[in-house]
């Protein structure tokens, strides 16, 4: 433990190895962070897509290049919103094919069967598998969020190019 002393009275720093259950909790925290980030981004991307589409639809007196760039920007934000929505869709089965969390209890009757499934899903080995499975879920979720941010960045570039084209060609 931190703060222990050895026989000579000197402080000793010892760190215990985390358990699979603790590691699964850390991965679940990362999934929650990704979900929160996705919720924020989804609203932002949909709002920007709606604004740009409305702007492009109402003002048809802009140069054709600027209109095309504006519609492209709106489409990029719609794509980004789609990627975020895809990232947070529920994972009913994990990459390993094992059910996760409450999904493991769906076909079990209350009583001894349920207690047996709960006991089986909370063994060290089951928790180790959960860490790996949840890590893959977190990896996929964060990869899709990153792709959505890349699409949004492309949408911003297109929107800026549309504004420049509008200013130069008008």
C-alpha atoms as a PDB file:
ATOM      1  CA  UNK A   1       0.000   0.000   0.000  1.00  0.00           C
ATOM      2  CA  UNK A   2       1.117   3.557  -0.495  1.00  0.00           C
ATOM      3  CA  UNK A   3       2.666   4.939   2.659  1.00  0.00           C
ATOM      4  CA  UNK A   4       3.858   1.590   4.051  1.00  0.00           C
ATOM      5  CA  UNK A   5       7.276   1.485   5.650  1.00  0.00           C
ATOM      6  CA  UNK A   6       9.925  -1.194   5.473  1.00  0.00           C
ATOM      7  CA  UNK A   7      11.799  -2.600   8.478  1.00  0.00           C
ATOM      8  CA  UNK A   8      14.285   0.288   8.376  1.00  0.00           C
ATOM      9  CA  UNK A   9      11.447   2.805   8.632  1.00  0.00           C
ATOM     10  CA  UNK A  10      11.823   4.105   5.041  1.00  0.00           C
ATOM     11  CA  UNK A  11       8.674   4.757   3.050  1.00  0.00           C
ATOM     12  CA  UNK A  12       7.867   2.090   0.466  1.00  0.00           C
ATOM     13  CA  UNK A  13       5.701   2.688  -2.560  1.00  0.00           C
ATOM     14  CA  UNK A  14       3.811  -0.394  -3.631  1.00  0.00           C
ATOM     15  CA  UNK A  15       1.043  -0.464  -6.170  1.00  0.00           C
ATOM     16  CA  UNK A  16      -1.451  -3.287  -6.321  1.00  0.00           C
ATOM     17  CA  UNK A  17      -2.409  -4.760  -9.670  1.00  0.00           C
ATOM     18  CA  UNK A  18      -5.937  -3.787 -10.669  1.00  0.00           C
ATOM     19  CA  UNK A  19      -8.501  -6.558 -10.799  1.00  0.00           C
ATOM     20  CA  UNK A  20     -10.408  -7.407 -13.988  1.00  0.00           C
ATOM     21  CA  UNK A  21     -13.514  -5.948 -12.358  1.00  0.00           C
ATOM     22  CA  UNK A  22     -11.730  -2.634 -11.759  1.00  0.00           C
ATOM     23  CA  UNK A  23     -10.434  -2.593 -15.330  1.00  0.00           C
ATOM     24  CA  UNK A  24     -13.925  -3.344 -16.677  1.00  0.00           C
ATOM     25  CA  UNK A  25     -15.162  -0.362 -14.667  1.00  0.00           C
ATOM     26  CA  UNK A  26     -12.499   1.854 -16.249  1.00  0.00           C
ATOM     27  CA  UNK A  27     -13.493   0.748 -19.736  1.00  0.00           C
ATOM     28  CA  UNK A  28     -17.168   1.347 -18.918  1.00  0.00           C
ATOM     29  CA  UNK A  29     -16.205   4.874 -17.810  1.00  0.00           C
ATOM     30  CA  UNK A  30     -14.570   5.426 -21.201  1.00  0.00           C
ATOM     31  CA  UNK A  31     -17.729   4.219 -22.909  1.00  0.00           C
ATOM     32  CA  UNK A  32     -19.766   6.680 -20.855  1.00  0.00           C
ATOM     33  CA  UNK A  33     -17.382   9.502 -21.835  1.00  0.00           C
ATOM     34  CA  UNK A  34     -17.729   8.550 -25.495  1.00  0.00           C
ATOM     35  CA  UNK A  35     -21.530   8.506 -25.164  1.00  0.00           C
ATOM     36  CA  UNK A  36     -21.528  11.972 -23.589  1.00  0.00           C
ATOM     37  CA  UNK A  37     -19.231  13.301 -26.296  1.00  0.00           C
ATOM     38  CA  UNK A  38     -21.422  11.758 -28.969  1.00  0.00           C
ATOM     39  CA  UNK A  39     -24.586  13.300 -27.526  1.00  0.00           C
ATOM     40  CA  UNK A  40     -23.012  16.747 -27.649  1.00  0.00           C
ATOM     41  CA  UNK A  41     -21.663  16.253 -31.171  1.00  0.00           C
ATOM     42  CA  UNK A  42     -24.931  14.838 -32.514  1.00  0.00           C
ATOM     43  CA  UNK A  43     -26.852  17.960 -31.547  1.00  0.00           C
ATOM     44  CA  UNK A  44     -24.124  20.230 -32.872  1.00  0.00           C
ATOM     45  CA  UNK A  45     -23.778  18.445 -36.207  1.00  0.00           C
ATOM     46  CA  UNK A  46     -27.524  18.220 -36.820  1.00  0.00           C
ATOM     47  CA  UNK A  47     -27.951  21.889 -35.944  1.00  0.00           C
ATOM     48  CA  UNK A  48     -25.186  22.952 -38.333  1.00  0.00           C
ATOM     49  CA  UNK A  49     -26.536  20.693 -41.090  1.00  0.00           C
ATOM     50  CA  UNK A  50     -30.021  22.172 -40.697  1.00  0.00           C
ATOM     51  CA  UNK A  51     -28.672  25.723 -40.693  1.00  0.00           C
ATOM     52  CA  UNK A  52     -26.552  25.202 -43.805  1.00  0.00           C
ATOM     53  CA  UNK A  53     -29.357  23.419 -45.664  1.00  0.00           C
ATOM     54  CA  UNK A  54     -31.776  26.193 -44.739  1.00  0.00           C
ATOM     55  CA  UNK A  55     -29.273  28.820 -45.840  1.00  0.00           C
ATOM     56  CA  UNK A  56     -28.676  27.065 -49.157  1.00  0.00           C
ATOM     57  CA  UNK A  57     -32.387  26.520 -49.741  1.00  0.00           C
ATOM     58  CA  UNK A  58     -33.470  30.099 -49.058  1.00  0.00           C
ATOM     59  CA  UNK A  59     -30.838  32.071 -50.910  1.00  0.00           C
ATOM     60  CA  UNK A  60     -30.755  30.839 -54.475  1.00  0.00           C
ATOM     61  CA  UNK A  61     -29.198  34.048 -55.837  1.00  0.00           C
ATOM     62  CA  UNK A  62     -25.725  32.872 -54.820  1.00  0.00           C
ATOM     63  CA  UNK A  63     -23.217  31.692 -57.436  1.00  0.00           C
ATOM     64  CA  UNK A  64     -23.615  28.014 -58.390  1.00  0.00           C
ATOM     65  CA  UNK A  65     -20.164  27.130 -57.021  1.00  0.00           C
ATOM     66  CA  UNK A  66     -21.006  28.638 -53.645  1.00  0.00           C
ATOM     67  CA  UNK A  67     -24.361  26.813 -53.566  1.00  0.00           C
ATOM     68  CA  UNK A  68     -22.727  23.491 -54.406  1.00  0.00           C
ATOM     69  CA  UNK A  69     -20.134  23.997 -51.687  1.00  0.00           C
ATOM     70  CA  UNK A  70     -22.846  24.976 -49.199  1.00  0.00           C
ATOM     71  CA  UNK A  71     -24.889  21.859 -49.988  1.00  0.00           C
ATOM     72  CA  UNK A  72     -21.704  19.794 -49.732  1.00  0.00           C
ATOM     73  CA  UNK A  73     -21.039  21.259 -46.289  1.00  0.00           C
ATOM     74  CA  UNK A  74     -24.582  20.419 -45.177  1.00  0.00           C
ATOM     75  CA  UNK A  75     -24.171  16.863 -46.497  1.00  0.00           C
ATOM     76  CA  UNK A  76     -20.877  16.484 -44.633  1.00  0.00           C
ATOM     77  CA  UNK A  77     -22.564  17.480 -41.367  1.00  0.00           C
ATOM     78  CA  UNK A  78     -25.424  15.054 -42.021  1.00  0.00           C
ATOM     79  CA  UNK A  79     -22.815  12.345 -42.594  1.00  0.00           C
ATOM     80  CA  UNK A  80     -21.053  13.327 -39.379  1.00  0.00           C
ATOM     81  CA  UNK A  81     -24.340  13.109 -37.465  1.00  0.00           C
ATOM     82  CA  UNK A  82     -24.965   9.672 -38.985  1.00  0.00           C
ATOM     83  CA  UNK A  83     -21.518   8.487 -37.874  1.00  0.00           C
ATOM     84  CA  UNK A  84     -22.153   9.717 -34.332  1.00  0.00           C
ATOM     85  CA  UNK A  85     -25.547   7.999 -34.238  1.00  0.00           C
ATOM     86  CA  UNK A  86     -23.901   4.810 -35.483  1.00  0.00           C
ATOM     87  CA  UNK A  87     -21.252   5.102 -32.770  1.00  0.00           C
ATOM     88  CA  UNK A  88     -23.764   5.150 -29.927  1.00  0.00           C
ATOM     89  CA  UNK A  89     -26.095   2.468 -31.172  1.00  0.00           C
ATOM     90  CA  UNK A  90     -26.461  -0.246 -28.543  1.00  0.00           C
ATOM     91  CA  UNK A  91     -24.112  -3.226 -28.672  1.00  0.00           C
ATOM     92  CA  UNK A  92     -26.448  -6.112 -27.928  1.00  0.00           C
ATOM     93  CA  UNK A  93     -23.774  -8.742 -28.484  1.00  0.00           C
ATOM     94  CA  UNK A  94     -20.105  -8.064 -28.113  1.00  0.00           C
ATOM     95  CA  UNK A  95     -17.482  -8.833 -30.733  1.00  0.00           C
ATOM     96  CA  UNK A  96     -16.934 -12.217 -29.100  1.00  0.00           C
ATOM     97  CA  UNK A  97     -20.615 -13.076 -29.516  1.00  0.00           C
ATOM     98  CA  UNK A  98     -21.106 -13.157 -25.761  1.00  0.00           C
ATOM     99  CA  UNK A  99     -24.086 -11.210 -24.445  1.00  0.00           C
ATOM    100  CA  UNK A 100     -23.211  -8.205 -22.309  1.00  0.00           C
ATOM    101  CA  UNK A 101     -24.743  -6.989 -19.051  1.00  0.00           C
ATOM    102  CA  UNK A 102     -28.477  -7.428 -18.768  1.00  0.00           C
ATOM    103  CA  UNK A 103     -28.573  -9.192 -22.139  1.00  0.00           C
ATOM    104  CA  UNK A 104     -27.127 -12.282 -20.443  1.00  0.00           C
ATOM    105  CA  UNK A 105     -30.287 -12.529 -18.313  1.00  0.00           C
ATOM    106  CA  UNK A 106     -32.929 -12.368 -21.028  1.00  0.00           C
ATOM    107  CA  UNK A 107     -33.614 -16.088 -21.414  1.00  0.00           C
ATOM    108  CA  UNK A 108     -33.140 -17.038 -17.754  1.00  0.00           C
ATOM    109  CA  UNK A 109     -35.915 -17.743 -15.284  1.00  0.00           C
ATOM    110  CA  UNK A 110     -35.759 -15.994 -11.886  1.00  0.00           C
ATOM    111  CA  UNK A 111     -34.399 -18.131  -9.088  1.00  0.00           C
ATOM    112  CA  UNK A 112     -31.520 -20.590  -9.147  1.00  0.00           C
ATOM    113  CA  UNK A 113     -30.975 -20.241 -12.912  1.00  0.00           C
ATOM    114  CA  UNK A 114     -30.593 -16.476 -12.670  1.00  0.00           C
ATOM    115  CA  UNK A 115     -28.261 -16.739  -9.692  1.00  0.00           C
ATOM    116  CA  UNK A 116     -26.125 -19.257 -11.605  1.00  0.00           C
ATOM    117  CA  UNK A 117     -25.854 -16.923 -14.616  1.00  0.00           C
ATOM    118  CA  UNK A 118     -24.975 -13.972 -12.367  1.00  0.00           C
ATOM    119  CA  UNK A 119     -22.304 -16.060 -10.656  1.00  0.00           C
ATOM    120  CA  UNK A 120     -20.933 -17.283 -14.015  1.00  0.00           C
ATOM    121  CA  UNK A 121     -20.735 -13.758 -15.466  1.00  0.00           C
ATOM    122  CA  UNK A 122     -18.840 -12.420 -12.456  1.00  0.00           C
ATOM    123  CA  UNK A 123     -15.961 -14.893 -12.299  1.00  0.00           C
ATOM    124  CA  UNK A 124     -12.420 -13.611 -12.841  1.00  0.00           C
ATOM    125  CA  UNK A 125     -12.327 -15.241 -16.278  1.00  0.00           C
ATOM    126  CA  UNK A 126     -15.679 -13.737 -17.292  1.00  0.00           C
ATOM    127  CA  UNK A 127     -14.529 -10.306 -16.094  1.00  0.00           C
ATOM    128  CA  UNK A 128     -11.306 -10.657 -18.086  1.00  0.00           C
ATOM    129  CA  UNK A 129     -13.378 -11.403 -21.206  1.00  0.00           C
ATOM    130  CA  UNK A 130     -15.592  -8.420 -20.397  1.00  0.00           C
ATOM    131  CA  UNK A 131     -12.542  -6.119 -20.282  1.00  0.00           C
ATOM    132  CA  UNK A 132     -11.457  -7.292 -23.735  1.00  0.00           C
ATOM    133  CA  UNK A 133     -14.970  -7.182 -25.205  1.00  0.00           C
ATOM    134  CA  UNK A 134     -15.753  -3.741 -23.802  1.00  0.00           C
ATOM    135  CA  UNK A 135     -12.388  -2.463 -24.985  1.00  0.00           C
ATOM    136  CA  UNK A 136     -13.339  -3.455 -28.527  1.00  0.00           C
ATOM    137  CA  UNK A 137     -16.684  -1.691 -28.131  1.00  0.00           C
ATOM    138  CA  UNK A 138     -14.926   1.442 -26.854  1.00  0.00           C
ATOM    139  CA  UNK A 139     -12.400   1.288 -29.689  1.00  0.00           C
ATOM    140  CA  UNK A 140     -15.128   1.053 -32.336  1.00  0.00           C
ATOM    141  CA  UNK A 141     -17.177   3.795 -30.734  1.00  0.00           C
ATOM    142  CA  UNK A 142     -14.252   6.201 -30.503  1.00  0.00           C
ATOM    143  CA  UNK A 143     -13.150   5.362 -34.049  1.00  0.00           C
ATOM    144  CA  UNK A 144     -16.611   6.279 -35.381  1.00  0.00           C
ATOM    145  CA  UNK A 145     -16.652   9.498 -33.353  1.00  0.00           C
ATOM    146  CA  UNK A 146     -13.248  10.387 -34.800  1.00  0.00           C
ATOM    147  CA  UNK A 147     -14.570   9.726 -38.323  1.00  0.00           C
ATOM    148  CA  UNK A 148     -17.553  11.976 -37.567  1.00  0.00           C
ATOM    149  CA  UNK A 149     -15.254  14.773 -36.415  1.00  0.00           C
ATOM    150  CA  UNK A 150     -13.230  14.366 -39.613  1.00  0.00           C
ATOM    151  CA  UNK A 151     -16.422  14.681 -41.677  1.00  0.00           C
ATOM    152  CA  UNK A 152     -17.427  17.752 -39.691  1.00  0.00           C
ATOM    153  CA  UNK A 153     -14.012  19.297 -40.335  1.00  0.00           C
ATOM    154  CA  UNK A 154     -14.523  18.699 -44.056  1.00  0.00           C
ATOM    155  CA  UNK A 155     -17.947  20.329 -43.730  1.00  0.00           C
ATOM    156  CA  UNK A 156     -16.381  23.384 -42.103  1.00  0.00           C
ATOM    157  CA  UNK A 157     -13.820  23.628 -44.902  1.00  0.00           C
ATOM    158  CA  UNK A 158     -16.601  23.439 -47.495  1.00  0.00           C
ATOM    159  CA  UNK A 159     -18.621  26.089 -45.657  1.00  0.00           C
ATOM    160  CA  UNK A 160     -15.613  28.436 -45.583  1.00  0.00           C
ATOM    161  CA  UNK A 161     -14.949  27.779 -49.272  1.00  0.00           C
ATOM    162  CA  UNK A 162     -18.622  28.524 -49.989  1.00  0.00           C
ATOM    163  CA  UNK A 163     -18.326  31.855 -48.190  1.00  0.00           C
ATOM    164  CA  UNK A 164     -15.149  32.698 -50.108  1.00  0.00           C
ATOM    165  CA  UNK A 165     -16.706  31.687 -53.426  1.00  0.00           C
ATOM    166  CA  UNK A 166     -19.782  33.746 -52.636  1.00  0.00           C
ATOM    167  CA  UNK A 167     -17.679  36.806 -51.787  1.00  0.00           C
ATOM    168  CA  UNK A 168     -15.439  36.505 -54.833  1.00  0.00           C
ATOM    169  CA  UNK A 169     -18.057  35.566 -57.416  1.00  0.00           C
ATOM    170  CA  UNK A 170     -20.906  37.852 -56.313  1.00  0.00           C
END
